[in-house]
Amino acid sequence: MDKNVCPFRIGNGYDVHAIAEGLPMWLGGVRIESPVGFVAHSDGDVAIHALCDAILGALALGDIGHHFPDTSDDWKGIDSKLLLGKVVSMAAGLGWSVGNVDITIALQKPKIGSYVPQMRATLAGVLGVGEDCVSIKATTNERLGFVGRCEGCQVWATALLYR
């Protein structure tokens, strides 16, 4: 195989957002019923932000902050699904398609397990893949660290792209 021609690429992403009262909580493209939400320049969807970074990483195109800086009013309050759509379009423009994604969300509360099917469906639609190509796992930090103290949320994402 030519070392410059690889039929697939894998990227990983990570993001974290603080939690505060009175903000909406968007996660995986879904509005979560909660008295708290994520502090952010955009809608704060930490899962989508990690996923964008995973796709951008697979493409060796930097990170979400490079493409959608929080210093720009263009992205203030934006629906993160739109950012993900732009990242997927970047990949397509370079000849890449999303194969599958795997996301792990660490959030102490609220409990989000019941939202996972809706998140999978929503993300599959934006990514242009079947729901069986979107894995989302929800976990807590067993009350340890900033996640365990309900101060923030961490998300890890992996994306496989193919030509």
N, C-alpha and C. Protein backbone atom coordinates (compact mmCIF):
# COMPACT_ATOMS: atom_id res chain seq x y z
N MET A 1 0.85 -1.18 0.00
CA MET A 1 0.00 0.00 0.00
C MET A 1 0.90 1.24 0.00
N ASP A 2 0.54 2.19 -0.82
CA ASP A 2 1.24 3.48 -0.86
C ASP A 2 1.08 4.14 0.50
N LYS A 3 2.20 4.58 1.10
CA LYS A 3 2.12 5.16 2.44
C LYS A 3 1.32 6.46 2.48
N ASN A 4 1.11 7.09 1.34
CA ASN A 4 0.33 8.33 1.29
C ASN A 4 -1.15 8.11 1.02
N VAL A 5 -1.52 6.86 0.79
CA VAL A 5 -2.93 6.56 0.49
C VAL A 5 -3.44 5.58 1.54
N CYS A 6 -4.26 6.07 2.42
CA CYS A 6 -4.85 5.23 3.46
C CYS A 6 -6.36 5.28 3.28
N PRO A 7 -7.02 4.13 3.25
CA PRO A 7 -8.48 4.14 3.01
C PRO A 7 -9.32 4.54 4.22
N PHE A 8 -8.68 4.69 5.36
CA PHE A 8 -9.42 5.10 6.55
C PHE A 8 -8.54 5.92 7.47
N ARG A 9 -9.19 6.67 8.35
CA ARG A 9 -8.50 7.46 9.36
C ARG A 9 -9.32 7.42 10.65
N ILE A 10 -8.63 7.49 11.76
CA ILE A 10 -9.28 7.50 13.07
C ILE A 10 -8.85 8.75 13.82
N GLY A 11 -9.80 9.42 14.44
CA GLY A 11 -9.49 10.59 15.25
C GLY A 11 -10.17 10.49 16.60
N ASN A 12 -9.58 11.15 17.58
CA ASN A 12 -10.23 11.21 18.88
C ASN A 12 -10.41 12.66 19.28
N GLY A 13 -11.40 12.89 20.09
CA GLY A 13 -11.69 14.24 20.56
C GLY A 13 -12.03 14.21 22.04
N TYR A 14 -11.84 15.34 22.66
CA TYR A 14 -12.14 15.49 24.09
C TYR A 14 -12.64 16.91 24.30
N ASP A 15 -13.64 17.05 25.14
CA ASP A 15 -14.06 18.39 25.52
C ASP A 15 -14.62 18.34 26.93
N VAL A 16 -14.65 19.50 27.55
CA VAL A 16 -15.16 19.65 28.90
C VAL A 16 -15.84 21.00 29.00
N HIS A 17 -16.93 21.06 29.72
CA HIS A 17 -17.61 22.32 29.98
C HIS A 17 -18.05 22.36 31.44
N ALA A 18 -17.98 23.55 32.01
CA ALA A 18 -18.49 23.77 33.36
C ALA A 18 -20.00 23.77 33.34
N ILE A 19 -20.58 23.51 34.49
CA ILE A 19 -22.03 23.50 34.66
C ILE A 19 -22.42 24.68 35.53
N ALA A 20 -23.54 25.32 35.18
CA ALA A 20 -24.08 26.42 35.98
C ALA A 20 -25.60 26.38 35.95
N GLU A 21 -26.21 26.91 36.99
CA GLU A 21 -27.68 26.95 37.06
C GLU A 21 -28.25 27.95 36.07
N GLY A 22 -29.47 27.64 35.62
CA GLY A 22 -30.22 28.57 34.78
C GLY A 22 -29.84 28.56 33.31
N LEU A 23 -28.96 27.65 32.89
CA LEU A 23 -28.59 27.55 31.49
C LEU A 23 -29.23 26.31 30.87
N PRO A 24 -29.50 26.34 29.57
CA PRO A 24 -30.04 25.13 28.93
C PRO A 24 -28.94 24.08 28.80
N MET A 25 -29.32 22.82 28.88
CA MET A 25 -28.37 21.73 28.71
C MET A 25 -28.65 21.03 27.39
N TRP A 26 -27.71 21.18 26.46
CA TRP A 26 -27.74 20.48 25.18
C TRP A 26 -26.65 19.44 25.18
N LEU A 27 -26.99 18.22 24.82
CA LEU A 27 -26.03 17.13 24.84
C LEU A 27 -26.36 16.15 23.72
N GLY A 28 -25.42 15.93 22.84
CA GLY A 28 -25.67 15.02 21.72
C GLY A 28 -26.77 15.52 20.80
N GLY A 29 -26.94 16.84 20.75
CA GLY A 29 -27.96 17.42 19.88
C GLY A 29 -29.35 17.42 20.46
N VAL A 30 -29.48 17.04 21.73
CA VAL A 30 -30.79 16.89 22.39
C VAL A 30 -30.85 17.81 23.60
N ARG A 31 -31.99 18.45 23.79
CA ARG A 31 -32.20 19.28 24.99
C ARG A 31 -32.53 18.37 26.16
N ILE A 32 -31.71 18.46 27.21
CA ILE A 32 -31.88 17.65 28.42
C ILE A 32 -32.64 18.48 29.43
N GLU A 33 -33.69 17.91 30.00
CA GLU A 33 -34.45 18.60 31.05
C GLU A 33 -33.59 18.65 32.31
N SER A 34 -33.20 19.87 32.70
CA SER A 34 -32.31 20.02 33.83
C SER A 34 -32.32 21.47 34.30
N PRO A 35 -32.17 21.70 35.61
CA PRO A 35 -32.07 23.08 36.10
C PRO A 35 -30.69 23.70 35.85
N VAL A 36 -29.74 22.88 35.36
CA VAL A 36 -28.39 23.36 35.07
C VAL A 36 -28.06 23.09 33.61
N GLY A 37 -27.07 23.82 33.11
CA GLY A 37 -26.62 23.63 31.74
C GLY A 37 -25.13 23.93 31.65
N PHE A 38 -24.62 23.95 30.42
CA PHE A 38 -23.19 24.11 30.21
C PHE A 38 -22.83 25.55 29.90
N VAL A 39 -21.78 26.02 30.54
CA VAL A 39 -21.25 27.36 30.30
C VAL A 39 -20.43 27.29 29.01
N ALA A 40 -20.79 28.13 28.02
CA ALA A 40 -20.08 28.08 26.73
C ALA A 40 -20.42 29.28 25.87
N HIS A 41 -19.64 29.47 24.83
CA HIS A 41 -19.87 30.52 23.85
C HIS A 41 -21.00 30.11 22.89
N SER A 42 -21.01 28.84 22.51
CA SER A 42 -22.07 28.31 21.64
C SER A 42 -23.19 27.79 22.54
N ASP A 43 -23.94 26.79 22.06
CA ASP A 43 -24.98 26.20 22.91
C ASP A 43 -24.39 25.28 23.98
N GLY A 44 -23.07 25.04 23.92
CA GLY A 44 -22.39 24.27 24.96
C GLY A 44 -22.50 22.76 24.84
N ASP A 45 -22.89 22.25 23.68
CA ASP A 45 -23.05 20.80 23.52
C ASP A 45 -21.69 20.13 23.52
N VAL A 46 -21.25 19.76 24.70
CA VAL A 46 -19.91 19.21 24.90
C VAL A 46 -19.71 17.91 24.13
N ALA A 47 -20.76 17.11 23.93
CA ALA A 47 -20.62 15.86 23.18
C ALA A 47 -20.35 16.15 21.70
N ILE A 48 -21.08 17.09 21.14
CA ILE A 48 -20.84 17.43 19.73
C ILE A 48 -19.48 18.09 19.56
N HIS A 49 -19.06 18.89 20.51
CA HIS A 49 -17.75 19.53 20.41
C HIS A 49 -16.63 18.48 20.39
N ALA A 50 -16.73 17.47 21.25
CA ALA A 50 -15.74 16.39 21.25
C ALA A 50 -15.78 15.62 19.94
N LEU A 51 -16.98 15.41 19.42
CA LEU A 51 -17.13 14.68 18.16
C LEU A 51 -16.54 15.48 17.00
N CYS A 52 -16.77 16.78 16.98
CA CYS A 52 -16.14 17.63 15.95
C CYS A 52 -14.63 17.50 16.02
N ASP A 53 -14.07 17.53 17.22
CA ASP A 53 -12.62 17.39 17.38
C ASP A 53 -12.13 16.03 16.90
N ALA A 54 -12.92 14.98 17.11
CA ALA A 54 -12.52 13.65 16.65
C ALA A 54 -12.45 13.61 15.12
N ILE A 55 -13.45 14.18 14.47
CA ILE A 55 -13.46 14.19 13.00
C ILE A 55 -12.34 15.08 12.48
N LEU A 56 -12.20 16.27 13.04
CA LEU A 56 -11.12 17.17 12.62
C LEU A 56 -9.75 16.53 12.87
N GLY A 57 -9.61 15.81 13.97
CA GLY A 57 -8.36 15.12 14.27
C GLY A 57 -8.04 14.05 13.23
N ALA A 58 -9.06 13.29 12.82
CA ALA A 58 -8.85 12.27 11.79
C ALA A 58 -8.37 12.90 10.49
N LEU A 59 -8.81 14.13 10.23
CA LEU A 59 -8.44 14.84 9.02
C LEU A 59 -7.14 15.64 9.18
N ALA A 60 -6.58 15.65 10.39
CA ALA A 60 -5.39 16.44 10.72
C ALA A 60 -5.63 17.92 10.42
N LEU A 61 -6.82 18.41 10.79
CA LEU A 61 -7.20 19.81 10.53
C LEU A 61 -7.31 20.64 11.80
N GLY A 62 -6.66 20.23 12.86
CA GLY A 62 -6.71 21.02 14.08
C GLY A 62 -7.93 20.70 14.91
N ASP A 63 -8.42 21.70 15.64
CA ASP A 63 -9.53 21.45 16.54
C ASP A 63 -10.67 22.44 16.31
N ILE A 64 -11.74 22.24 17.03
CA ILE A 64 -12.95 23.03 16.86
C ILE A 64 -12.70 24.51 17.15
N GLY A 65 -11.83 24.80 18.11
CA GLY A 65 -11.52 26.19 18.44
C GLY A 65 -10.82 26.93 17.31
N HIS A 66 -10.08 26.20 16.51
CA HIS A 66 -9.40 26.80 15.36
C HIS A 66 -10.41 27.19 14.28
N HIS A 67 -11.38 26.34 14.05
CA HIS A 67 -12.36 26.56 12.98
C HIS A 67 -13.53 27.44 13.41
N PHE A 68 -13.89 27.35 14.69
CA PHE A 68 -15.05 28.09 15.21
C PHE A 68 -14.65 28.76 16.53
N PRO A 69 -13.80 29.77 16.48
CA PRO A 69 -13.26 30.36 17.70
C PRO A 69 -14.32 31.04 18.58
N ASP A 70 -14.15 30.89 19.88
CA ASP A 70 -15.10 31.50 20.82
C ASP A 70 -14.90 33.01 20.96
N THR A 71 -13.99 33.54 20.19
CA THR A 71 -13.79 34.99 20.15
C THR A 71 -14.62 35.64 19.02
N SER A 72 -15.29 34.81 18.24
CA SER A 72 -16.07 35.31 17.11
C SER A 72 -17.56 35.31 17.43
N ASP A 73 -18.21 36.42 17.17
CA ASP A 73 -19.66 36.50 17.37
C ASP A 73 -20.42 35.62 16.38
N ASP A 74 -19.77 35.17 15.31
CA ASP A 74 -20.42 34.30 14.33
C ASP A 74 -20.91 33.01 14.98
N TRP A 75 -20.25 32.58 16.04
CA TRP A 75 -20.58 31.29 16.66
C TRP A 75 -21.28 31.45 18.01
N LYS A 76 -21.55 32.68 18.42
CA LYS A 76 -22.19 32.93 19.72
C LYS A 76 -23.58 32.29 19.75
N GLY A 77 -23.78 31.40 20.70
CA GLY A 77 -25.07 30.76 20.89
C GLY A 77 -25.48 29.79 19.80
N ILE A 78 -24.58 29.47 18.87
CA ILE A 78 -24.94 28.62 17.73
C ILE A 78 -25.30 27.20 18.16
N ASP A 79 -26.23 26.61 17.44
CA ASP A 79 -26.61 25.22 17.61
C ASP A 79 -25.41 24.38 17.16
N SER A 80 -24.87 23.59 18.05
CA SER A 80 -23.67 22.81 17.74
C SER A 80 -23.89 21.78 16.64
N LYS A 81 -25.15 21.41 16.39
CA LYS A 81 -25.41 20.50 15.26
C LYS A 81 -24.99 21.16 13.95
N LEU A 82 -25.11 22.48 13.88
CA LEU A 82 -24.67 23.20 12.68
C LEU A 82 -23.15 23.13 12.53
N LEU A 83 -22.44 23.23 13.65
CA LEU A 83 -20.97 23.10 13.62
C LEU A 83 -20.58 21.70 13.15
N LEU A 84 -21.26 20.69 13.68
CA LEU A 84 -20.97 19.31 13.27
C LEU A 84 -21.24 19.13 11.78
N GLY A 85 -22.33 19.70 11.30
CA GLY A 85 -22.64 19.61 9.88
C GLY A 85 -21.54 20.24 9.03
N LYS A 86 -20.99 21.35 9.49
CA LYS A 86 -19.90 22.01 8.76
C LYS A 86 -18.65 21.12 8.76
N VAL A 87 -18.37 20.46 9.87
CA VAL A 87 -17.21 19.58 9.96
C VAL A 87 -17.39 18.37 9.04
N VAL A 88 -18.58 17.80 9.02
CA VAL A 88 -18.87 16.66 8.14
C VAL A 88 -18.72 17.10 6.68
N SER A 89 -19.16 18.32 6.36
CA SER A 89 -19.00 18.85 5.00
C SER A 89 -17.53 19.04 4.64
N MET A 90 -16.72 19.49 5.61
CA MET A 90 -15.28 19.61 5.37
C MET A 90 -14.70 18.26 5.00
N ALA A 91 -15.08 17.24 5.77
CA ALA A 91 -14.59 15.89 5.52
C ALA A 91 -15.01 15.43 4.12
N ALA A 92 -16.26 15.62 3.77
CA ALA A 92 -16.77 15.21 2.46
C ALA A 92 -16.03 15.94 1.34
N GLY A 93 -15.75 17.22 1.55
CA GLY A 93 -15.03 17.99 0.56
C GLY A 93 -13.62 17.47 0.30
N LEU A 94 -13.08 16.75 1.27
CA LEU A 94 -11.75 16.15 1.13
C LEU A 94 -11.83 14.68 0.74
N GLY A 95 -13.06 14.22 0.44
CA GLY A 95 -13.24 12.84 0.00
C GLY A 95 -13.44 11.81 1.09
N TRP A 96 -13.79 12.27 2.30
CA TRP A 96 -13.95 11.35 3.44
C TRP A 96 -15.41 11.29 3.88
N SER A 97 -15.82 10.12 4.34
CA SER A 97 -17.15 9.90 4.92
C SER A 97 -16.99 9.35 6.32
N VAL A 98 -17.97 9.61 7.16
CA VAL A 98 -17.95 9.05 8.52
C VAL A 98 -18.38 7.59 8.45
N GLY A 99 -17.59 6.73 9.07
CA GLY A 99 -17.94 5.31 9.16
C GLY A 99 -18.74 5.06 10.42
N ASN A 100 -18.13 5.30 11.56
CA ASN A 100 -18.83 5.18 12.83
C ASN A 100 -18.18 6.08 13.86
N VAL A 101 -18.92 6.35 14.93
CA VAL A 101 -18.41 7.17 16.03
C VAL A 101 -18.74 6.50 17.35
N ASP A 102 -17.91 6.77 18.34
CA ASP A 102 -18.09 6.23 19.68
C ASP A 102 -17.85 7.37 20.66
N ILE A 103 -18.84 7.62 21.52
CA ILE A 103 -18.80 8.77 22.43
C ILE A 103 -19.02 8.28 23.86
N THR A 104 -18.21 8.77 24.78
CA THR A 104 -18.40 8.49 26.21
C THR A 104 -18.62 9.82 26.92
N ILE A 105 -19.74 9.91 27.63
CA ILE A 105 -20.11 11.13 28.34
C ILE A 105 -20.02 10.86 29.84
N ALA A 106 -19.21 11.65 30.55
CA ALA A 106 -19.10 11.55 32.01
C ALA A 106 -19.82 12.74 32.62
N LEU A 107 -20.95 12.46 33.25
CA LEU A 107 -21.79 13.49 33.85
C LEU A 107 -22.45 12.88 35.08
N GLN A 108 -22.23 13.49 36.23
CA GLN A 108 -22.78 12.93 37.47
C GLN A 108 -24.31 13.02 37.50
N LYS A 109 -24.83 14.21 37.23
CA LYS A 109 -26.27 14.39 37.11
C LYS A 109 -26.55 15.63 36.30
N PRO A 110 -27.64 15.66 35.60
CA PRO A 110 -28.73 14.70 35.62
C PRO A 110 -28.35 13.39 34.93
N LYS A 111 -29.10 12.36 35.23
CA LYS A 111 -28.93 11.07 34.57
C LYS A 111 -29.42 11.23 33.13
N ILE A 112 -28.64 10.74 32.18
CA ILE A 112 -28.98 10.97 30.78
C ILE A 112 -29.23 9.70 29.98
N GLY A 113 -29.20 8.56 30.63
CA GLY A 113 -29.36 7.29 29.92
C GLY A 113 -30.61 7.22 29.06
N SER A 114 -31.71 7.79 29.53
CA SER A 114 -32.96 7.72 28.76
C SER A 114 -32.91 8.59 27.50
N TYR A 115 -31.97 9.51 27.43
CA TYR A 115 -31.83 10.39 26.26
C TYR A 115 -30.93 9.79 25.17
N VAL A 116 -30.20 8.73 25.49
CA VAL A 116 -29.22 8.18 24.56
C VAL A 116 -29.84 7.78 23.22
N PRO A 117 -30.98 7.09 23.17
CA PRO A 117 -31.54 6.75 21.85
C PRO A 117 -31.84 7.98 20.99
N GLN A 118 -32.35 9.04 21.59
CA GLN A 118 -32.62 10.26 20.84
C GLN A 118 -31.32 10.92 20.38
N MET A 119 -30.30 10.90 21.23
CA MET A 119 -29.00 11.44 20.83
C MET A 119 -28.44 10.67 19.64
N ARG A 120 -28.52 9.35 19.70
CA ARG A 120 -28.00 8.52 18.60
C ARG A 120 -28.71 8.85 17.30
N ALA A 121 -30.03 8.97 17.37
CA ALA A 121 -30.81 9.28 16.16
C ALA A 121 -30.45 10.67 15.62
N THR A 122 -30.34 11.63 16.51
CA THR A 122 -30.03 13.00 16.11
C THR A 122 -28.65 13.08 15.46
N LEU A 123 -27.66 12.50 16.10
CA LEU A 123 -26.30 12.55 15.57
C LEU A 123 -26.18 11.76 14.27
N ALA A 124 -26.86 10.61 14.19
CA ALA A 124 -26.83 9.83 12.95
C ALA A 124 -27.34 10.66 11.78
N GLY A 125 -28.39 11.43 12.02
CA GLY A 125 -28.94 12.28 10.96
C GLY A 125 -27.96 13.33 10.49
N VAL A 126 -27.25 13.97 11.42
CA VAL A 126 -26.28 15.00 11.04
C VAL A 126 -25.07 14.37 10.36
N LEU A 127 -24.65 13.21 10.83
CA LEU A 127 -23.47 12.55 10.29
C LEU A 127 -23.74 11.85 8.96
N GLY A 128 -25.01 11.55 8.68
CA GLY A 128 -25.36 10.82 7.47
C GLY A 128 -25.05 9.35 7.55
N VAL A 129 -25.20 8.78 8.74
CA VAL A 129 -24.95 7.35 8.96
C VAL A 129 -26.17 6.72 9.64
N GLY A 130 -26.20 5.41 9.72
CA GLY A 130 -27.25 4.73 10.44
C GLY A 130 -27.05 4.86 11.94
N GLU A 131 -28.13 4.73 12.68
CA GLU A 131 -28.02 4.83 14.14
C GLU A 131 -27.10 3.77 14.71
N ASP A 132 -26.97 2.63 14.02
CA ASP A 132 -26.08 1.58 14.50
C ASP A 132 -24.60 1.95 14.36
N CYS A 133 -24.34 3.08 13.73
CA CYS A 133 -22.97 3.58 13.59
C CYS A 133 -22.64 4.66 14.61
N VAL A 134 -23.56 4.92 15.53
CA VAL A 134 -23.37 5.93 16.57
C VAL A 134 -23.50 5.26 17.93
N SER A 135 -22.40 5.17 18.64
CA SER A 135 -22.39 4.60 19.99
C SER A 135 -22.25 5.74 21.00
N ILE A 136 -23.13 5.74 21.99
CA ILE A 136 -23.04 6.72 23.07
C ILE A 136 -23.16 5.98 24.39
N LYS A 137 -22.18 6.23 25.25
CA LYS A 137 -22.18 5.62 26.57
C LYS A 137 -22.21 6.73 27.61
N ALA A 138 -23.08 6.59 28.58
CA ALA A 138 -23.19 7.57 29.66
C ALA A 138 -22.66 6.94 30.95
N THR A 139 -21.85 7.72 31.65
CA THR A 139 -21.29 7.24 32.91
C THR A 139 -21.21 8.39 33.90
N THR A 140 -20.97 8.06 35.14
CA THR A 140 -20.72 9.07 36.16
C THR A 140 -19.26 8.96 36.56
N ASN A 141 -18.83 9.80 37.45
CA ASN A 141 -17.47 9.68 37.99
C ASN A 141 -17.50 9.19 39.43
N GLU A 142 -18.58 8.49 39.77
CA GLU A 142 -18.70 7.92 41.12
C GLU A 142 -18.45 8.98 42.18
N ARG A 143 -18.93 10.19 41.93
CA ARG A 143 -18.84 11.34 42.83
C ARG A 143 -17.39 11.81 43.06
N LEU A 144 -16.47 11.45 42.14
CA LEU A 144 -15.07 11.87 42.26
C LEU A 144 -14.77 13.01 41.30
N GLY A 145 -13.89 13.91 41.69
CA GLY A 145 -13.42 14.99 40.83
C GLY A 145 -14.49 16.02 40.50
N PHE A 146 -14.18 16.91 39.53
CA PHE A 146 -15.12 17.98 39.20
C PHE A 146 -16.41 17.45 38.60
N VAL A 147 -16.34 16.32 37.89
CA VAL A 147 -17.57 15.72 37.36
C VAL A 147 -18.41 15.19 38.52
N GLY A 148 -17.75 14.50 39.43
CA GLY A 148 -18.45 13.94 40.59
C GLY A 148 -19.07 14.98 41.50
N ARG A 149 -18.47 16.17 41.53
CA ARG A 149 -19.01 17.27 42.34
C ARG A 149 -20.06 18.08 41.57
N CYS A 150 -20.42 17.62 40.38
CA CYS A 150 -21.43 18.27 39.53
C CYS A 150 -20.99 19.67 39.10
N GLU A 151 -19.70 19.84 38.89
CA GLU A 151 -19.16 21.13 38.43
C GLU A 151 -18.96 21.17 36.92
N GLY A 152 -18.95 20.00 36.27
CA GLY A 152 -18.71 19.97 34.84
C GLY A 152 -18.99 18.62 34.23
N CYS A 153 -18.79 18.55 32.93
CA CYS A 153 -19.02 17.35 32.13
C CYS A 153 -17.80 17.12 31.24
N GLN A 154 -17.39 15.87 31.11
CA GLN A 154 -16.29 15.49 30.22
C GLN A 154 -16.84 14.56 29.15
N VAL A 155 -16.33 14.70 27.92
CA VAL A 155 -16.74 13.81 26.85
C VAL A 155 -15.52 13.42 26.03
N TRP A 156 -15.43 12.14 25.70
CA TRP A 156 -14.42 11.60 24.80
C TRP A 156 -15.15 11.06 23.58
N ALA A 157 -14.59 11.30 22.40
CA ALA A 157 -15.21 10.81 21.17
C ALA A 157 -14.14 10.25 20.24
N THR A 158 -14.52 9.23 19.51
CA THR A 158 -13.66 8.62 18.49
C THR A 158 -14.48 8.55 17.21
N ALA A 159 -13.83 8.85 16.09
CA ALA A 159 -14.51 8.80 14.80
C ALA A 159 -13.63 8.04 13.81
N LEU A 160 -14.27 7.16 13.03
CA LEU A 160 -13.62 6.47 11.93
C LEU A 160 -14.12 7.09 10.64
N LEU A 161 -13.19 7.55 9.81
CA LEU A 161 -13.53 8.08 8.49
C LEU A 161 -12.98 7.13 7.43
N TYR A 162 -13.65 7.06 6.29
CA TYR A 162 -13.19 6.22 5.20
C TYR A 162 -13.35 6.96 3.87
N ARG A 163 -12.56 6.54 2.90
CA ARG A 163 -12.65 7.10 1.54
C ARG A 163 -13.59 6.27 0.73
